Amino acid sequence: MPSLRRPPEPPDPATLRARLVLLASEGREIPPAAVDFAAGLAERGGRAVHVFTVARVWGTSFGMPNPGLLPNRREWDDQRAIVDKAVEALRRRGLDVTAQVLATRKATKRIVGEAERLGCDAIVMAADPPRNRFVADLMWSQEPYRVRRRSPVPVYLVTGD
């Protein structure tokens, strides 16, 4: 059963020396503020960033995968454009950048899993302002807060522009 207590605040970003930073998105546009925050963490550490975004799978049909619920070509192209824009901005700052777009229904699980698989020291995500916990668990836009609750590594949420 998930805990109702707040996750601990991440450490002060000025003290973190991250070898690899995961700049993640559950499908939303990655704002320049999040790119700058991730770049700042990477510049103090290993100078490496992995940009990761999720193309949303909309569910299942009678418990079976259904091609009509998978991301369409436009949704894939939108996610690739989001990644390309962030990668370009990070490379202009002289950082070592890799990127990936993945389709899933469980964005939190995949983002946290990707951070663990790559050995990331921090995750940076853009986020809407927090909502009531019970309502927020039903909203896709509150995915960054679920990532923060589940992640063993610090998660920095960048709100606003």
C-alpha atoms as a PDB file:
ATOM      1  CA  MET A   1       0.000   0.000   0.000  1.00  0.00           C
ATOM      2  CA  PRO A   2       1.493   3.391  -0.934  1.00  0.00           C
ATOM      3  CA  SER A   3       2.519   5.679   1.862  1.00  0.00           C
ATOM      4  CA  LEU A   4       0.545   8.896   2.341  1.00  0.00           C
ATOM      5  CA  ARG A   5       3.499  10.786   3.766  1.00  0.00           C
ATOM      6  CA  ARG A   6       5.416  13.203   1.601  1.00  0.00           C
ATOM      7  CA  PRO A   7       8.599  11.948  -0.007  1.00  0.00           C
ATOM      8  CA  PRO A   8      11.774  13.529   1.349  1.00  0.00           C
ATOM      9  CA  GLU A   9      12.929  16.685  -0.386  1.00  0.00           C
ATOM     10  CA  PRO A  10      15.866  16.094  -2.709  1.00  0.00           C
ATOM     11  CA  PRO A  11      19.263  17.387  -1.600  1.00  0.00           C
ATOM     12  CA  ASP A  12      20.332  20.916  -2.441  1.00  0.00           C
ATOM     13  CA  PRO A  13      21.198  20.823  -6.159  1.00  0.00           C
ATOM     14  CA  ALA A  14      24.310  22.931  -5.525  1.00  0.00           C
ATOM     15  CA  THR A  15      25.784  20.082  -3.460  1.00  0.00           C
ATOM     16  CA  LEU A  16      24.888  17.230  -5.821  1.00  0.00           C
ATOM     17  CA  ARG A  17      27.630  15.876  -8.098  1.00  0.00           C
ATOM     18  CA  ALA A  18      25.666  13.785 -10.592  1.00  0.00           C
ATOM     19  CA  ARG A  19      27.628  11.622 -13.020  1.00  0.00           C
ATOM     20  CA  LEU A  20      24.482  11.153 -15.124  1.00  0.00           C
ATOM     21  CA  VAL A  21      21.232  13.143 -15.035  1.00  0.00           C
ATOM     22  CA  LEU A  22      17.954  11.814 -16.437  1.00  0.00           C
ATOM     23  CA  LEU A  23      15.842  14.589 -17.977  1.00  0.00           C
ATOM     24  CA  ALA A  24      12.472  12.870 -18.223  1.00  0.00           C
ATOM     25  CA  SER A  25       8.998  13.678 -19.470  1.00  0.00           C
ATOM     26  CA  GLU A  26       5.746  11.769 -19.256  1.00  0.00           C
ATOM     27  CA  GLY A  27       4.867  13.212 -22.646  1.00  0.00           C
ATOM     28  CA  ARG A  28       4.698  16.937 -21.997  1.00  0.00           C
ATOM     29  CA  GLU A  29       6.925  19.526 -23.655  1.00  0.00           C
ATOM     30  CA  ILE A  30      10.213  19.908 -21.770  1.00  0.00           C
ATOM     31  CA  PRO A  31      10.433  23.618 -20.885  1.00  0.00           C
ATOM     32  CA  PRO A  32      13.719  25.543 -21.100  1.00  0.00           C
ATOM     33  CA  ALA A  33      13.754  25.875 -17.293  1.00  0.00           C
ATOM     34  CA  ALA A  34      13.900  22.073 -16.889  1.00  0.00           C
ATOM     35  CA  VAL A  35      16.607  21.806 -19.555  1.00  0.00           C
ATOM     36  CA  ASP A  36      18.632  24.509 -17.781  1.00  0.00           C
ATOM     37  CA  PHE A  37      18.184  22.827 -14.406  1.00  0.00           C
ATOM     38  CA  ALA A  38      19.347  19.450 -15.769  1.00  0.00           C
ATOM     39  CA  ALA A  39      22.278  21.118 -17.543  1.00  0.00           C
ATOM     40  CA  GLY A  40      23.277  22.851 -14.314  1.00  0.00           C
ATOM     41  CA  LEU A  41      23.328  19.540 -12.435  1.00  0.00           C
ATOM     42  CA  ALA A  42      25.311  17.873 -15.219  1.00  0.00           C
ATOM     43  CA  GLU A  43      27.845  20.692 -15.464  1.00  0.00           C
ATOM     44  CA  ARG A  44      28.734  20.235 -11.774  1.00  0.00           C
ATOM     45  CA  GLY A  45      29.108  16.476 -12.186  1.00  0.00           C
ATOM     46  CA  GLY A  46      29.809  14.098 -15.027  1.00  0.00           C
ATOM     47  CA  ARG A  47      28.568  16.376 -17.824  1.00  0.00           C
ATOM     48  CA  ALA A  48      26.200  13.663 -19.091  1.00  0.00           C
ATOM     49  CA  VAL A  49      22.424  13.833 -19.579  1.00  0.00           C
ATOM     50  CA  HIS A  50      20.001  11.218 -20.867  1.00  0.00           C
ATOM     51  CA  VAL A  51      16.759  12.684 -22.247  1.00  0.00           C
ATOM     52  CA  PHE A  52      13.839  10.281 -21.914  1.00  0.00           C
ATOM     53  CA  THR A  53      10.215  10.782 -22.862  1.00  0.00           C
ATOM     54  CA  VAL A  54       7.145   8.583 -22.933  1.00  0.00           C
ATOM     55  CA  ALA A  55       4.684   8.166 -25.785  1.00  0.00           C
ATOM     56  CA  ARG A  56       1.502   7.220 -23.962  1.00  0.00           C
ATOM     57  CA  VAL A  57      -0.210   3.883 -24.567  1.00  0.00           C
ATOM     58  CA  TRP A  58      -3.871   4.485 -23.843  1.00  0.00           C
ATOM     59  CA  GLY A  59      -4.734   1.133 -22.261  1.00  0.00           C
ATOM     60  CA  THR A  60      -5.812  -2.361 -23.211  1.00  0.00           C
ATOM     61  CA  SER A  61      -8.909  -3.801 -24.786  1.00  0.00           C
ATOM     62  CA  PHE A  62     -10.333  -6.769 -22.847  1.00  0.00           C
ATOM     63  CA  GLY A  63      -6.939  -7.276 -21.220  1.00  0.00           C
ATOM     64  CA  MET A  64      -5.116  -7.590 -24.547  1.00  0.00           C
ATOM     65  CA  PRO A  65      -2.936  -5.010 -26.287  1.00  0.00           C
ATOM     66  CA  ASN A  66      -4.872  -3.258 -29.012  1.00  0.00           C
ATOM     67  CA  PRO A  67      -3.115  -1.471 -31.893  1.00  0.00           C
ATOM     68  CA  GLY A  68      -5.743   1.283 -31.810  1.00  0.00           C
ATOM     69  CA  LEU A  69      -4.595   2.249 -28.310  1.00  0.00           C
ATOM     70  CA  LEU A  70      -0.898   2.513 -29.196  1.00  0.00           C
ATOM     71  CA  PRO A  71       0.673   5.888 -30.017  1.00  0.00           C
ATOM     72  CA  ASN A  72       0.038   6.928 -33.602  1.00  0.00           C
ATOM     73  CA  ARG A  73       2.659   8.329 -35.966  1.00  0.00           C
ATOM     74  CA  ARG A  74       1.900  11.949 -34.997  1.00  0.00           C
ATOM     75  CA  GLU A  75       2.284  11.179 -31.279  1.00  0.00           C
ATOM     76  CA  TRP A  76       5.644   9.466 -31.935  1.00  0.00           C
ATOM     77  CA  ASP A  77       6.775  12.425 -34.038  1.00  0.00           C
ATOM     78  CA  ASP A  78       5.696  14.869 -31.306  1.00  0.00           C
ATOM     79  CA  GLN A  79       7.741  12.993 -28.703  1.00  0.00           C
ATOM     80  CA  ARG A  80      10.778  12.811 -30.982  1.00  0.00           C
ATOM     81  CA  ALA A  81      10.532  16.572 -31.580  1.00  0.00           C
ATOM     82  CA  ILE A  82      10.422  17.171 -27.805  1.00  0.00           C
ATOM     83  CA  VAL A  83      13.537  15.041 -27.340  1.00  0.00           C
ATOM     84  CA  ASP A  84      15.372  16.615 -30.291  1.00  0.00           C
ATOM     85  CA  LYS A  85      14.757  20.135 -28.982  1.00  0.00           C
ATOM     86  CA  ALA A  86      16.087  19.256 -25.505  1.00  0.00           C
ATOM     87  CA  VAL A  87      19.093  17.368 -26.919  1.00  0.00           C
ATOM     88  CA  GLU A  88      20.020  20.318 -29.135  1.00  0.00           C
ATOM     89  CA  ALA A  89      19.856  22.763 -26.209  1.00  0.00           C
ATOM     90  CA  LEU A  90      21.983  20.490 -24.012  1.00  0.00           C
ATOM     91  CA  ARG A  91      24.589  19.850 -26.720  1.00  0.00           C
ATOM     92  CA  ARG A  92      24.960  23.606 -27.246  1.00  0.00           C
ATOM     93  CA  ARG A  93      26.109  23.714 -23.627  1.00  0.00           C
ATOM     94  CA  GLY A  94      28.819  21.145 -24.369  1.00  0.00           C
ATOM     95  CA  LEU A  95      27.209  18.215 -22.566  1.00  0.00           C
ATOM     96  CA  ASP A  96      27.306  14.543 -23.527  1.00  0.00           C
ATOM     97  CA  VAL A  97      23.672  13.732 -24.379  1.00  0.00           C
ATOM     98  CA  THR A  98      21.822  10.537 -25.209  1.00  0.00           C
ATOM     99  CA  ALA A  99      18.079  10.238 -25.809  1.00  0.00           C
ATOM    100  CA  GLN A 100      15.226   7.773 -25.983  1.00  0.00           C
ATOM    101  CA  VAL A 101      11.477   7.731 -26.661  1.00  0.00           C
ATOM    102  CA  LEU A 102       9.482   4.798 -25.349  1.00  0.00           C
ATOM    103  CA  ALA A 103       5.790   3.818 -25.406  1.00  0.00           C
ATOM    104  CA  THR A 104       4.195   2.634 -22.157  1.00  0.00           C
ATOM    105  CA  ARG A 105       1.065   2.804 -20.038  1.00  0.00           C
ATOM    106  CA  LYS A 106       3.115   3.004 -16.843  1.00  0.00           C
ATOM    107  CA  ALA A 107       5.263   6.108 -17.170  1.00  0.00           C
ATOM    108  CA  THR A 108       6.341   6.202 -13.515  1.00  0.00           C
ATOM    109  CA  LYS A 109       7.607   2.638 -13.577  1.00  0.00           C
ATOM    110  CA  ARG A 110       9.484   3.144 -16.854  1.00  0.00           C
ATOM    111  CA  ILE A 111      11.085   6.464 -15.821  1.00  0.00           C
ATOM    112  CA  VAL A 112      12.254   5.094 -12.472  1.00  0.00           C
ATOM    113  CA  GLY A 113      13.388   1.865 -14.146  1.00  0.00           C
ATOM    114  CA  GLU A 114      15.349   3.767 -16.780  1.00  0.00           C
ATOM    115  CA  ALA A 115      17.088   5.837 -14.099  1.00  0.00           C
ATOM    116  CA  GLU A 116      18.075   2.659 -12.253  1.00  0.00           C
ATOM    117  CA  ARG A 117      19.163   0.854 -15.440  1.00  0.00           C
ATOM    118  CA  LEU A 118      21.422   3.722 -16.494  1.00  0.00           C
ATOM    119  CA  GLY A 119      22.730   4.403 -12.981  1.00  0.00           C
ATOM    120  CA  CYS A 120      21.476   7.995 -12.919  1.00  0.00           C
ATOM    121  CA  ASP A 121      22.214  10.104  -9.866  1.00  0.00           C
ATOM    122  CA  ALA A 122      19.244  12.465 -10.336  1.00  0.00           C
ATOM    123  CA  ILE A 123      16.013  12.840 -12.303  1.00  0.00           C
ATOM    124  CA  VAL A 124      14.723  16.207 -13.531  1.00  0.00           C
ATOM    125  CA  MET A 125      11.126  16.608 -14.711  1.00  0.00           C
ATOM    126  CA  ALA A 126       8.808  19.488 -15.548  1.00  0.00           C
ATOM    127  CA  ALA A 127       5.686  19.437 -13.380  1.00  0.00           C
ATOM    128  CA  ASP A 128       2.350  21.131 -12.914  1.00  0.00           C
ATOM    129  CA  PRO A 129       1.613  22.515  -9.454  1.00  0.00           C
ATOM    130  CA  PRO A 130       0.746  19.683  -7.039  1.00  0.00           C
ATOM    131  CA  ARG A 131      -2.894  18.715  -6.618  1.00  0.00           C
ATOM    132  CA  ASN A 132      -4.809  16.938  -3.881  1.00  0.00           C
ATOM    133  CA  ARG A 133      -3.233  13.480  -3.568  1.00  0.00           C
ATOM    134  CA  PHE A 134      -6.455  11.534  -4.107  1.00  0.00           C
ATOM    135  CA  VAL A 135      -7.428  13.502  -7.201  1.00  0.00           C
ATOM    136  CA  ALA A 136      -3.827  13.649  -8.450  1.00  0.00           C
ATOM    137  CA  ASP A 137      -3.509   9.849  -8.583  1.00  0.00           C
ATOM    138  CA  LEU A 138      -6.090   9.885 -11.370  1.00  0.00           C
ATOM    139  CA  MET A 139      -4.342  12.581 -13.440  1.00  0.00           C
ATOM    140  CA  TRP A 140      -1.613  11.872 -16.015  1.00  0.00           C
ATOM    141  CA  SER A 141      -0.265  15.426 -15.505  1.00  0.00           C
ATOM    142  CA  GLN A 142       0.668  14.524 -11.911  1.00  0.00           C
ATOM    143  CA  GLU A 143       3.018  11.744 -13.022  1.00  0.00           C
ATOM    144  CA  PRO A 144       6.164  13.650 -11.911  1.00  0.00           C
ATOM    145  CA  TYR A 145       4.946  13.535  -8.298  1.00  0.00           C
ATOM    146  CA  ARG A 146       4.442   9.769  -8.552  1.00  0.00           C
ATOM    147  CA  VAL A 147       7.991   9.484  -9.913  1.00  0.00           C
ATOM    148  CA  ARG A 148       9.263  11.476  -6.919  1.00  0.00           C
ATOM    149  CA  ARG A 149       7.441   9.166  -4.485  1.00  0.00           C
ATOM    150  CA  ARG A 150       8.805   5.997  -6.083  1.00  0.00           C
ATOM    151  CA  SER A 151      12.333   6.917  -7.094  1.00  0.00           C
ATOM    152  CA  PRO A 152      15.328   5.883  -5.000  1.00  0.00           C
ATOM    153  CA  VAL A 153      17.361   8.747  -6.550  1.00  0.00           C
ATOM    154  CA  PRO A 154      16.606  12.458  -6.014  1.00  0.00           C
ATOM    155  CA  VAL A 155      13.870  13.850  -8.275  1.00  0.00           C
ATOM    156  CA  TYR A 156      13.885  17.581  -8.996  1.00  0.00           C
ATOM    157  CA  LEU A 157      10.553  18.931 -10.235  1.00  0.00           C
ATOM    158  CA  VAL A 158      10.626  22.168 -12.204  1.00  0.00           C
ATOM    159  CA  THR A 159       7.283  23.971 -12.058  1.00  0.00           C
ATOM    160  CA  GLY A 160       6.289  26.969 -14.143  1.00  0.00           C
ATOM    161  CA  ASP A 161       8.260  28.325 -17.096  1.00  0.00           C
END
